[in-house]
N, C-alpha and C. Protein backbone atom coordinates (compact mmCIF):
# COMPACT_ATOMS: atom_id res chain seq x y z
N UNK A 1 85.66 22.39 -66.11
CA UNK A 1 85.98 21.83 -65.39
C UNK A 1 85.17 21.76 -64.38
N UNK A 2 85.58 20.69 -63.09
CA UNK A 2 84.44 19.84 -62.71
C UNK A 2 85.06 20.38 -61.10
N UNK A 3 84.12 20.83 -60.60
CA UNK A 3 84.40 21.29 -59.45
C UNK A 3 84.06 20.59 -57.66
N UNK A 4 85.11 19.87 -57.41
CA UNK A 4 84.83 18.85 -56.63
C UNK A 4 84.44 19.37 -54.79
N UNK A 5 82.74 18.74 -54.68
CA UNK A 5 82.69 19.73 -53.24
C UNK A 5 83.18 19.59 -52.56
N UNK A 6 83.75 19.93 -51.60
CA UNK A 6 83.98 19.77 -49.90
C UNK A 6 84.18 18.80 -48.76
N UNK A 7 84.21 18.00 -48.42
CA UNK A 7 84.34 17.00 -47.75
C UNK A 7 83.18 17.50 -46.52
N UNK A 8 82.34 17.20 -45.94
CA UNK A 8 81.24 17.53 -44.73
C UNK A 8 81.35 16.81 -43.36
N UNK A 9 82.20 18.23 -42.49
CA UNK A 9 82.60 18.05 -41.06
C UNK A 9 81.79 16.86 -41.14
N UNK A 10 82.17 16.55 -39.41
CA UNK A 10 81.81 15.46 -39.08
C UNK A 10 81.94 16.17 -37.40
N UNK A 11 80.16 16.24 -36.85
CA UNK A 11 80.07 16.71 -35.44
C UNK A 11 80.87 16.49 -34.78
N UNK A 12 81.90 16.06 -34.27
CA UNK A 12 82.56 14.71 -33.98
C UNK A 12 84.10 15.33 -34.07
N UNK A 13 84.42 15.45 -35.09
CA UNK A 13 86.09 16.23 -35.41
C UNK A 13 85.61 17.96 -35.25
N UNK A 14 84.82 18.26 -35.24
CA UNK A 14 84.65 20.16 -34.76
C UNK A 14 84.68 20.71 -33.26
N UNK A 15 84.65 21.77 -32.67
CA UNK A 15 84.91 21.95 -31.21
C UNK A 15 84.47 23.47 -31.23
N UNK A 16 83.87 23.86 -30.64
CA UNK A 16 83.52 25.65 -30.51
C UNK A 16 84.75 25.93 -30.43
N UNK A 17 84.73 27.10 -31.16
CA UNK A 17 85.45 28.10 -32.04
C UNK A 17 86.28 27.72 -32.65
N UNK A 18 86.24 26.50 -33.51
CA UNK A 18 86.19 25.99 -35.20
C UNK A 18 85.68 27.49 -35.71
N UNK A 19 86.28 28.09 -36.78
CA UNK A 19 86.07 28.85 -37.64
C UNK A 19 85.89 27.41 -39.60
N UNK A 20 85.11 28.48 -40.52
CA UNK A 20 84.45 27.75 -42.01
C UNK A 20 86.00 28.90 -42.08
N UNK A 21 85.76 27.64 -43.67
CA UNK A 21 86.73 28.21 -44.13
C UNK A 21 86.17 29.93 -44.96
N UNK A 22 87.24 30.98 -44.60
CA UNK A 22 86.02 32.45 -45.19
C UNK A 22 85.85 32.84 -46.59
N UNK A 23 84.91 32.90 -46.80
CA UNK A 23 84.32 33.99 -48.27
C UNK A 23 85.08 34.74 -48.06
N UNK A 24 86.19 35.24 -49.34
CA UNK A 24 86.36 36.36 -49.46
C UNK A 24 85.60 37.10 -50.99
N UNK A 25 84.51 37.84 -51.34
CA UNK A 25 84.06 37.68 -52.57
C UNK A 25 85.13 39.53 -52.87
N UNK A 26 84.58 39.34 -54.78
CA UNK A 26 85.36 40.28 -55.01
C UNK A 26 84.72 42.15 -54.87
N UNK A 27 85.40 42.61 -54.78
CA UNK A 27 84.70 44.27 -54.91
C UNK A 27 83.48 44.80 -55.25
N UNK A 28 82.15 45.40 -54.98
CA UNK A 28 81.01 45.85 -54.68
C UNK A 28 81.10 46.55 -56.24
N UNK A 29 81.10 46.76 -57.04
CA UNK A 29 80.63 47.87 -58.22
C UNK A 29 79.49 47.76 -58.88
N UNK A 30 79.15 48.59 -59.65
CA UNK A 30 78.10 48.55 -60.78
C UNK A 30 77.11 47.28 -61.66
N UNK A 31 78.34 46.97 -61.87
CA UNK A 31 77.94 45.56 -63.18
C UNK A 31 77.32 44.43 -61.74
N UNK A 32 78.01 44.61 -60.67
CA UNK A 32 77.25 43.54 -59.33
C UNK A 32 76.32 43.80 -58.87
N UNK A 33 75.96 44.69 -59.57
CA UNK A 33 74.44 45.70 -58.47
C UNK A 33 73.63 45.44 -59.98
N UNK A 34 73.62 45.74 -60.33
CA UNK A 34 72.69 45.21 -62.06
C UNK A 34 72.65 43.65 -62.39
N UNK A 35 73.29 43.19 -61.69
CA UNK A 35 73.29 42.07 -62.19
C UNK A 35 72.62 40.93 -61.21
N UNK A 36 72.55 41.91 -59.90
CA UNK A 36 71.86 40.31 -58.48
C UNK A 36 70.33 41.96 -58.61
N UNK A 37 69.76 42.69 -59.24
CA UNK A 37 68.88 43.32 -59.49
C UNK A 37 67.87 42.22 -60.75
N UNK A 38 68.74 42.18 -61.69
CA UNK A 38 68.22 41.19 -62.61
C UNK A 38 67.93 39.91 -62.26
N UNK A 39 68.61 39.33 -60.71
CA UNK A 39 68.58 38.42 -60.26
C UNK A 39 67.58 37.88 -59.64
N UNK A 40 67.14 39.06 -58.94
CA UNK A 40 66.87 38.61 -57.55
C UNK A 40 65.18 39.76 -58.30
N UNK A 41 65.10 40.06 -59.25
CA UNK A 41 64.04 41.09 -59.33
C UNK A 41 63.63 42.94 -58.54
N UNK A 42 64.87 42.26 -57.14
CA UNK A 42 64.52 43.80 -57.18
C UNK A 42 65.52 44.57 -57.64
N UNK A 43 64.05 45.81 -58.27
CA UNK A 43 64.60 46.52 -58.53
C UNK A 43 64.88 48.13 -58.58
N UNK A 44 64.92 47.63 -56.94
CA UNK A 44 64.98 49.45 -56.29
C UNK A 44 65.99 50.69 -57.00
N UNK A 45 65.25 51.54 -56.78
CA UNK A 45 66.31 52.58 -57.61
C UNK A 45 67.54 52.78 -57.15
N UNK A 46 67.47 53.14 -55.56
CA UNK A 46 68.86 53.10 -54.92
C UNK A 46 69.88 52.31 -54.95
N UNK A 47 69.41 51.50 -55.33
CA UNK A 47 70.68 50.53 -55.70
C UNK A 47 71.18 50.61 -57.04
N UNK A 48 70.72 50.80 -58.30
CA UNK A 48 71.14 50.99 -59.16
C UNK A 48 71.24 52.76 -59.57
N UNK A 49 70.14 53.50 -59.41
CA UNK A 49 70.85 54.83 -60.09
C UNK A 49 70.48 55.85 -59.27
N UNK A 50 72.29 56.54 -59.49
CA UNK A 50 72.58 57.66 -58.62
C UNK A 50 71.74 58.71 -58.07
N UNK A 51 71.48 59.01 -59.02
CA UNK A 51 70.36 60.52 -58.86
C UNK A 51 69.13 59.76 -58.10
N UNK A 52 69.24 59.26 -58.02
CA UNK A 52 68.08 58.83 -56.99
C UNK A 52 68.76 58.76 -55.72
N UNK A 53 69.65 57.89 -55.48
CA UNK A 53 70.48 57.66 -54.46
C UNK A 53 71.10 58.93 -53.70
N UNK A 54 71.00 59.93 -54.36
CA UNK A 54 71.23 61.31 -54.11
C UNK A 54 70.16 61.78 -53.48
N UNK A 55 69.20 62.00 -54.82
CA UNK A 55 68.45 62.73 -53.48
C UNK A 55 67.79 61.96 -52.54
N UNK A 56 67.88 60.68 -52.20
CA UNK A 56 68.08 59.85 -51.04
C UNK A 56 68.36 60.56 -49.70
N UNK A 57 69.44 61.72 -50.15
CA UNK A 57 70.79 61.53 -49.09
C UNK A 57 71.43 60.56 -48.83
N UNK A 58 71.38 59.25 -50.42
CA UNK A 58 73.31 58.95 -49.63
C UNK A 58 74.37 59.38 -51.07
N UNK A 59 75.60 59.39 -50.79
CA UNK A 59 76.81 59.86 -51.87
C UNK A 59 76.47 58.75 -52.53
N UNK A 60 76.11 57.70 -53.21
CA UNK A 60 75.74 56.89 -54.35
C UNK A 60 74.64 55.91 -54.03
N UNK A 61 74.98 54.90 -54.79
CA UNK A 61 74.42 53.65 -55.57
C UNK A 61 74.72 52.55 -53.73
N UNK A 62 74.44 51.63 -52.93
CA UNK A 62 74.29 50.95 -52.33
C UNK A 62 73.99 49.34 -52.61
N UNK A 63 75.07 48.17 -52.18
CA UNK A 63 74.18 46.77 -52.51
C UNK A 63 73.08 46.53 -51.69
N UNK A 64 72.33 45.52 -51.91
CA UNK A 64 70.96 45.15 -51.56
C UNK A 64 71.78 44.58 -50.29
N UNK A 65 70.86 44.41 -49.10
CA UNK A 65 71.47 44.17 -48.53
C UNK A 65 70.97 42.54 -48.63
N UNK A 66 70.24 41.78 -49.44
CA UNK A 66 69.34 40.52 -49.55
C UNK A 66 70.81 39.59 -50.65
N UNK A 67 71.71 40.93 -51.37
CA UNK A 67 72.69 40.49 -51.58
C UNK A 67 74.21 39.26 -50.50
N UNK A 68 74.38 40.52 -49.37
CA UNK A 68 75.20 40.32 -48.82
C UNK A 68 74.89 38.79 -47.94
N UNK A 69 73.10 39.15 -47.39
CA UNK A 69 72.67 37.15 -47.07
C UNK A 69 72.58 36.33 -47.76
N UNK A 70 73.00 36.21 -49.04
CA UNK A 70 72.92 35.45 -50.15
C UNK A 70 74.45 34.57 -50.61
N UNK A 71 75.55 36.03 -49.76
CA UNK A 71 76.77 35.51 -49.53
C UNK A 71 76.65 34.78 -48.17
N UNK A 72 76.77 35.40 -47.57
CA UNK A 72 76.08 34.38 -46.16
C UNK A 72 75.55 32.93 -46.48
N UNK A 73 74.49 32.48 -47.19
CA UNK A 73 74.34 31.82 -47.59
C UNK A 73 75.38 30.78 -48.56
N UNK A 74 75.82 31.24 -49.17
CA UNK A 74 76.84 30.38 -49.60
C UNK A 74 78.09 30.30 -49.10
N UNK A 75 78.13 31.09 -47.93
CA UNK A 75 78.96 30.45 -46.81
C UNK A 75 78.66 29.77 -46.26
N UNK A 76 77.76 29.16 -45.70
CA UNK A 76 77.26 28.04 -45.19
C UNK A 76 77.17 26.60 -46.12
N UNK A 77 76.48 27.04 -47.30
CA UNK A 77 76.60 26.28 -48.17
C UNK A 77 78.23 25.61 -48.85
N UNK A 78 78.58 26.36 -49.11
CA UNK A 78 80.11 25.96 -49.56
C UNK A 78 80.49 25.27 -48.31
N UNK A 79 80.00 25.17 -47.25
CA UNK A 79 80.60 24.27 -45.95
C UNK A 79 79.99 22.64 -45.42
N UNK A 80 78.43 23.03 -45.98
CA UNK A 80 78.01 21.91 -45.83
C UNK A 80 76.36 22.25 -46.89
N UNK A 81 75.59 20.53 -47.16
CA UNK A 81 74.96 20.52 -48.18
C UNK A 81 73.42 21.81 -47.34
N UNK A 82 72.72 22.05 -48.59
CA UNK A 82 71.55 23.22 -47.77
C UNK A 82 70.52 22.06 -47.04
N UNK A 83 70.72 21.34 -47.01
CA UNK A 83 70.00 20.51 -46.24
C UNK A 83 69.82 19.97 -45.24
N UNK A 84 71.57 20.17 -44.23
CA UNK A 84 71.90 20.08 -43.26
C UNK A 84 71.81 21.75 -42.36
N UNK A 85 71.02 22.75 -43.24
CA UNK A 85 70.53 24.24 -42.43
C UNK A 85 69.17 23.50 -41.63
N UNK A 86 69.73 23.87 -41.23
CA UNK A 86 67.94 23.71 -39.63
C UNK A 86 67.32 25.44 -39.44
N UNK A 87 68.34 25.95 -39.50
CA UNK A 87 67.70 27.85 -39.46
C UNK A 87 68.53 28.80 -39.35
N UNK A 88 68.24 29.61 -39.24
CA UNK A 88 69.35 30.77 -40.32
C UNK A 88 69.04 32.05 -39.74
N UNK A 89 69.08 32.84 -39.52
CA UNK A 89 68.68 34.71 -39.04
C UNK A 89 69.93 35.27 -38.46
N UNK A 90 69.69 36.43 -39.83
CA UNK A 90 70.12 37.80 -40.07
C UNK A 90 69.87 39.08 -39.94
N UNK A 91 70.92 40.22 -39.56
CA UNK A 91 70.76 41.17 -39.13
C UNK A 91 71.33 41.76 -39.94
N UNK A 92 71.24 43.24 -40.29
CA UNK A 92 71.71 43.68 -41.00
C UNK A 92 72.13 45.26 -39.82
N UNK A 93 73.56 45.61 -40.44
CA UNK A 93 74.04 45.94 -39.60
C UNK A 93 74.89 47.26 -40.29
N UNK A 94 75.03 47.28 -41.31
CA UNK A 94 75.92 48.45 -42.05
C UNK A 94 75.49 48.40 -43.32
N UNK A 95 76.04 49.29 -44.25
CA UNK A 95 75.74 49.39 -45.70
C UNK A 95 76.82 48.65 -46.39
N UNK A 96 76.58 47.87 -47.39
CA UNK A 96 77.73 47.97 -48.35
C UNK A 96 78.33 48.45 -49.60
N UNK A 97 79.09 49.72 -49.43
CA UNK A 97 78.90 50.97 -50.35
C UNK A 97 79.64 50.00 -51.41
N UNK A 98 79.30 51.13 -52.16
CA UNK A 98 80.42 50.88 -53.86
C UNK A 98 82.01 50.90 -53.70
N UNK A 99 82.86 49.68 -54.09
CA UNK A 99 83.91 49.61 -53.12
C UNK A 99 84.49 48.64 -52.47
N UNK A 100 83.73 48.90 -51.39
CA UNK A 100 83.90 47.95 -50.62
C UNK A 100 83.82 46.55 -50.80
N UNK A 101 84.70 45.38 -49.95
CA UNK A 101 85.36 43.84 -50.72
C UNK A 101 84.40 43.02 -49.43
N UNK A 102 83.25 42.21 -49.89
CA UNK A 102 82.99 41.70 -48.40
C UNK A 102 83.58 40.04 -47.96
N UNK A 103 83.58 39.41 -46.62
CA UNK A 103 84.13 38.91 -46.73
C UNK A 103 83.32 38.11 -45.25
N UNK A 104 82.76 37.22 -45.93
CA UNK A 104 81.69 36.47 -45.07
C UNK A 104 82.86 35.21 -43.86
N UNK A 105 82.48 35.11 -42.75
CA UNK A 105 83.08 34.16 -42.14
C UNK A 105 82.47 33.54 -41.09
N UNK A 106 82.39 32.42 -40.49
CA UNK A 106 82.03 31.95 -39.18
C UNK A 106 82.38 31.01 -38.28
N UNK A 107 81.87 30.98 -37.29
CA UNK A 107 82.60 30.49 -36.29
C UNK A 107 81.31 29.79 -35.16
N UNK A 108 82.26 28.51 -34.74
CA UNK A 108 81.25 27.85 -33.97
C UNK A 108 81.18 27.95 -32.57
N UNK A 109 80.04 28.04 -32.12
CA UNK A 109 79.40 28.37 -31.03
C UNK A 109 79.37 27.81 -30.12
N UNK A 110 78.42 26.57 -30.47
CA UNK A 110 78.19 25.67 -29.76
C UNK A 110 78.00 24.71 -30.64
N UNK A 111 77.90 23.41 -29.43
CA UNK A 111 77.55 22.26 -29.97
C UNK A 111 76.62 21.79 -29.16
N UNK A 112 75.78 20.34 -29.77
CA UNK A 112 74.27 20.79 -28.71
C UNK A 112 73.31 19.34 -29.95
N UNK A 113 72.47 18.57 -29.03
CA UNK A 113 72.38 17.56 -29.58
C UNK A 113 70.03 18.39 -29.29
N UNK A 114 69.55 17.71 -30.97
CA UNK A 114 67.96 18.35 -30.58
C UNK A 114 67.01 17.71 -31.26
N UNK A 115 66.25 17.38 -31.44
CA UNK A 115 65.30 16.35 -32.39
C UNK A 115 65.94 15.57 -32.81
N UNK A 116 66.67 14.18 -32.50
CA UNK A 116 67.75 13.38 -32.42
C UNK A 116 68.70 13.84 -33.48
N UNK A 117 69.45 14.87 -33.23
CA UNK A 117 69.81 15.49 -34.24
C UNK A 117 71.22 15.76 -33.42
N UNK A 118 72.68 15.19 -34.54
CA UNK A 118 73.88 16.59 -33.28
C UNK A 118 73.54 17.92 -34.41
N UNK A 119 73.79 19.05 -33.80
CA UNK A 119 74.13 20.17 -34.45
C UNK A 119 75.12 20.87 -33.80
N UNK A 120 75.24 22.03 -34.85
CA UNK A 120 76.11 23.39 -34.67
C UNK A 120 75.32 24.45 -34.58
N UNK A 121 75.80 25.50 -33.92
CA UNK A 121 75.39 26.87 -33.54
C UNK A 121 76.34 27.26 -34.23
N UNK A 122 76.27 28.27 -35.27
CA UNK A 122 77.19 29.12 -35.97
C UNK A 122 76.62 30.28 -36.22
N UNK A 123 77.94 31.72 -35.73
CA UNK A 123 77.99 32.66 -35.58
C UNK A 123 78.46 32.98 -37.26
N UNK A 124 77.65 34.06 -37.97
CA UNK A 124 78.32 34.39 -39.20
C UNK A 124 77.98 35.92 -38.69
N UNK A 125 79.62 35.99 -39.94
CA UNK A 125 79.21 38.32 -40.22
C UNK A 125 79.89 38.22 -41.64
N UNK A 126 79.39 38.89 -41.80
CA UNK A 126 79.82 39.66 -43.48
C UNK A 126 80.16 41.13 -42.98
N UNK A 127 81.41 41.89 -43.44
CA UNK A 127 82.04 43.03 -43.23
C UNK A 127 83.15 43.28 -44.11
N UNK A 128 83.18 44.25 -44.34
CA UNK A 128 83.89 44.73 -45.40
C UNK A 128 85.24 44.81 -45.67
N UNK A 129 86.22 45.26 -46.20
CA UNK A 129 87.80 44.85 -46.53
C UNK A 129 88.17 45.78 -45.26
N UNK A 130 87.68 46.72 -44.44
CA UNK A 130 88.38 47.37 -43.22
C UNK A 130 87.87 47.01 -42.05
N UNK A 131 87.12 45.59 -42.26
CA UNK A 131 86.41 44.54 -40.95
C UNK A 131 85.23 45.39 -39.96
N UNK A 132 84.73 46.51 -41.33
CA UNK A 132 83.15 46.83 -40.44
C UNK A 132 81.97 45.96 -40.71
N UNK A 133 81.22 45.25 -39.58
CA UNK A 133 80.69 44.36 -39.93
C UNK A 133 79.14 44.38 -40.92
N UNK A 134 78.94 44.08 -41.75
CA UNK A 134 77.54 45.21 -42.57
C UNK A 134 76.22 43.78 -42.22
N UNK A 135 76.70 42.92 -42.03
CA UNK A 135 75.75 41.89 -41.03
C UNK A 135 76.08 40.94 -40.03
N UNK A 136 75.55 40.69 -39.64
CA UNK A 136 75.65 39.86 -38.80
C UNK A 136 74.64 38.72 -37.87
N UNK A 137 74.87 37.17 -38.20
CA UNK A 137 73.90 36.10 -38.15
C UNK A 137 74.19 34.89 -37.34
N UNK A 138 73.04 34.00 -37.28
CA UNK A 138 73.29 32.81 -36.63
C UNK A 138 72.85 31.29 -37.59
N UNK A 139 73.54 30.45 -37.44
CA UNK A 139 72.82 29.27 -38.41
C UNK A 139 73.18 28.11 -37.35
N UNK A 140 72.10 27.21 -37.45
CA UNK A 140 72.07 26.06 -37.21
C UNK A 140 72.32 24.63 -38.36
N UNK A 141 72.72 23.95 -37.84
CA UNK A 141 73.05 23.14 -38.17
C UNK A 141 73.91 21.86 -38.06
N UNK A 142 72.92 20.97 -38.93
CA UNK A 142 72.51 19.35 -38.52
C UNK A 142 73.76 18.53 -39.25
N UNK A 143 74.48 17.64 -38.48
CA UNK A 143 75.43 16.80 -38.36
C UNK A 143 76.06 15.52 -38.47
N UNK A 144 77.29 14.80 -38.72
CA UNK A 144 76.30 13.27 -38.69
C UNK A 144 77.31 12.65 -38.13
């Protein structure tokens, strides 16, 4: 099955307050964490070893912060090509526990021109199914 790429948004068609299509991910489970360990090379035992996590004061293992950061990157690159990204900053605000279902969202908060390009600033958010923020961030995207 061939996936048709989304239409690239045009600067003139966007306004402050417009939202990116939300990215709703599957519930975080132990398989998700094990696969991410292999893909990322981050084998910190706090993410896969329940005994280690409990000795560290946590009730169970939990997701890598960078897994959720990757989800925010996926939100952006599902909206525009990676080559359109001019900046990305992310702040970790909470732990994504097993059973959490991440949802990534974005909202255009500014339109401006810089270095001869038309750009938008996008406020980013990754929250669980209860609306509790896990990551907040901001991206700058160049558009035609």
